[in-house]
Amino acid sequence: MNPPYQEVGTSSSTSQEVAGALPELLRRARDVLRERAHRLLHASLLRSGVLGLGAKETLQHTSYTARYEGLGHSLYRRVG
């Protein structure tokens, strides 16, 4: 009997390849969603508006890093 996640007619190596690609796909989707969220937040703030992020959130590694000034303790002021 085939496992429920494997389509009939597919080889287990194909299923393993798909499963192996899943973490990379999820990482890319997370990065795209993070950029979209930062774009919306940036657009919604007035110039000099303050953005507060949670303890596990950051602006690092986004294209919006230079558009904010760090105020300390997860607070950022929009500068651009």
C-alpha atoms as a PDB file:
ATOM      1  CA  MET A   1       0.000   0.000   0.000  1.00  0.00           C
ATOM      2  CA  ASN A   2       1.303   3.441  -0.921  1.00  0.00           C
ATOM      3  CA  PRO A   3       1.729   6.118   1.764  1.00  0.00           C
ATOM      4  CA  PRO A   4      -0.994   8.820   1.577  1.00  0.00           C
ATOM      5  CA  TYR A   5       1.482  11.535   0.515  1.00  0.00           C
ATOM      6  CA  GLN A   6       2.825   9.602  -2.479  1.00  0.00           C
ATOM      7  CA  GLU A   7       0.818   9.689  -5.678  1.00  0.00           C
ATOM      8  CA  VAL A   8       0.290   6.420  -7.468  1.00  0.00           C
ATOM      9  CA  GLY A   9       2.777   6.096 -10.290  1.00  0.00           C
ATOM     10  CA  THR A  10       5.491   8.281  -8.740  1.00  0.00           C
ATOM     11  CA  SER A  11       8.767   6.893  -7.583  1.00  0.00           C
ATOM     12  CA  SER A  12       9.916   7.279  -4.013  1.00  0.00           C
ATOM     13  CA  SER A  13      13.047   9.080  -5.250  1.00  0.00           C
ATOM     14  CA  THR A  14      10.843  11.782  -6.811  1.00  0.00           C
ATOM     15  CA  SER A  15       8.938  12.143  -3.546  1.00  0.00           C
ATOM     16  CA  GLN A  16      12.230  12.378  -1.657  1.00  0.00           C
ATOM     17  CA  GLU A  17      13.473  15.077  -4.052  1.00  0.00           C
ATOM     18  CA  VAL A  18      10.309  17.110  -3.501  1.00  0.00           C
ATOM     19  CA  ALA A  19      10.563  16.659   0.260  1.00  0.00           C
ATOM     20  CA  GLY A  20      14.218  17.714   0.115  1.00  0.00           C
ATOM     21  CA  ALA A  21      13.319  20.891  -1.814  1.00  0.00           C
ATOM     22  CA  LEU A  22      10.569  21.872   0.624  1.00  0.00           C
ATOM     23  CA  PRO A  23      12.795  23.634   3.222  1.00  0.00           C
ATOM     24  CA  GLU A  24      14.304  25.845   0.499  1.00  0.00           C
ATOM     25  CA  LEU A  25      10.854  26.640  -0.875  1.00  0.00           C
ATOM     26  CA  LEU A  26       9.613  27.589   2.591  1.00  0.00           C
ATOM     27  CA  ARG A  27      12.685  29.769   3.217  1.00  0.00           C
ATOM     28  CA  ARG A  28      12.128  31.654  -0.038  1.00  0.00           C
ATOM     29  CA  ALA A  29       8.423  32.105   0.684  1.00  0.00           C
ATOM     30  CA  ARG A  30       9.276  33.425   4.163  1.00  0.00           C
ATOM     31  CA  ASP A  31      11.729  35.934   2.666  1.00  0.00           C
ATOM     32  CA  VAL A  32       9.175  37.135   0.101  1.00  0.00           C
ATOM     33  CA  LEU A  33       6.500  37.549   2.774  1.00  0.00           C
ATOM     34  CA  ARG A  34       8.933  39.381   5.083  1.00  0.00           C
ATOM     35  CA  GLU A  35       9.810  41.863   2.314  1.00  0.00           C
ATOM     36  CA  ARG A  36       6.123  42.400   1.536  1.00  0.00           C
ATOM     37  CA  ALA A  37       5.326  43.037   5.206  1.00  0.00           C
ATOM     38  CA  HIS A  38       8.196  45.541   5.532  1.00  0.00           C
ATOM     39  CA  ARG A  39       7.063  47.319   2.362  1.00  0.00           C
ATOM     40  CA  LEU A  40       3.531  47.700   3.763  1.00  0.00           C
ATOM     41  CA  LEU A  41       4.773  48.836   7.183  1.00  0.00           C
ATOM     42  CA  HIS A  42       7.156  51.361   5.640  1.00  0.00           C
ATOM     43  CA  ALA A  43       4.438  52.762   3.377  1.00  0.00           C
ATOM     44  CA  SER A  44       2.022  53.113   6.299  1.00  0.00           C
ATOM     45  CA  LEU A  45       4.402  55.107   8.517  1.00  0.00           C
ATOM     46  CA  LEU A  46       4.741  58.868   8.221  1.00  0.00           C
ATOM     47  CA  ARG A  47       8.271  60.235   7.911  1.00  0.00           C
ATOM     48  CA  SER A  48       9.820  60.056  11.394  1.00  0.00           C
ATOM     49  CA  GLY A  49       7.155  57.522  12.395  1.00  0.00           C
ATOM     50  CA  VAL A  50       8.258  54.837  14.858  1.00  0.00           C
ATOM     51  CA  LEU A  51       8.118  51.115  14.158  1.00  0.00           C
ATOM     52  CA  GLY A  52       8.161  48.711  17.093  1.00  0.00           C
ATOM     53  CA  LEU A  53       9.151  45.107  16.447  1.00  0.00           C
ATOM     54  CA  GLY A  54       8.901  42.034  18.629  1.00  0.00           C
ATOM     55  CA  ALA A  55      11.921  40.511  20.334  1.00  0.00           C
ATOM     56  CA  LYS A  56      12.453  37.949  17.554  1.00  0.00           C
ATOM     57  CA  GLU A  57      11.791  40.348  14.667  1.00  0.00           C
ATOM     58  CA  THR A  58      14.428  42.416  12.911  1.00  0.00           C
ATOM     59  CA  LEU A  59      15.031  44.701   9.953  1.00  0.00           C
ATOM     60  CA  GLN A  60      18.383  43.064   9.291  1.00  0.00           C
ATOM     61  CA  HIS A  61      18.750  41.258   5.980  1.00  0.00           C
ATOM     62  CA  THR A  62      15.920  43.215   4.360  1.00  0.00           C
ATOM     63  CA  SER A  63      16.068  45.909   1.729  1.00  0.00           C
ATOM     64  CA  TYR A  64      14.548  48.341   4.274  1.00  0.00           C
ATOM     65  CA  THR A  65      17.451  48.459   6.739  1.00  0.00           C
ATOM     66  CA  ALA A  66      18.741  51.816   5.463  1.00  0.00           C
ATOM     67  CA  ARG A  67      15.254  53.376   5.617  1.00  0.00           C
ATOM     68  CA  TYR A  68      15.119  53.248   9.409  1.00  0.00           C
ATOM     69  CA  GLU A  69      17.207  54.601  12.277  1.00  0.00           C
ATOM     70  CA  GLY A  70      17.574  52.305  15.259  1.00  0.00           C
ATOM     71  CA  LEU A  71      16.290  53.803  18.504  1.00  0.00           C
ATOM     72  CA  GLY A  72      17.187  50.829  20.647  1.00  0.00           C
ATOM     73  CA  HIS A  73      15.221  47.917  22.070  1.00  0.00           C
ATOM     74  CA  SER A  74      13.438  46.945  18.805  1.00  0.00           C
ATOM     75  CA  LEU A  75      12.328  50.505  18.022  1.00  0.00           C
ATOM     76  CA  TYR A  76      13.084  52.090  14.650  1.00  0.00           C
ATOM     77  CA  ARG A  77      12.336  55.555  13.224  1.00  0.00           C
ATOM     78  CA  ARG A  78      11.512  55.910   9.534  1.00  0.00           C
ATOM     79  CA  VAL A  79      14.096  58.143   7.848  1.00  0.00           C
ATOM     80  CA  GLY A  80      13.558  57.406   4.171  1.00  0.00           C
END
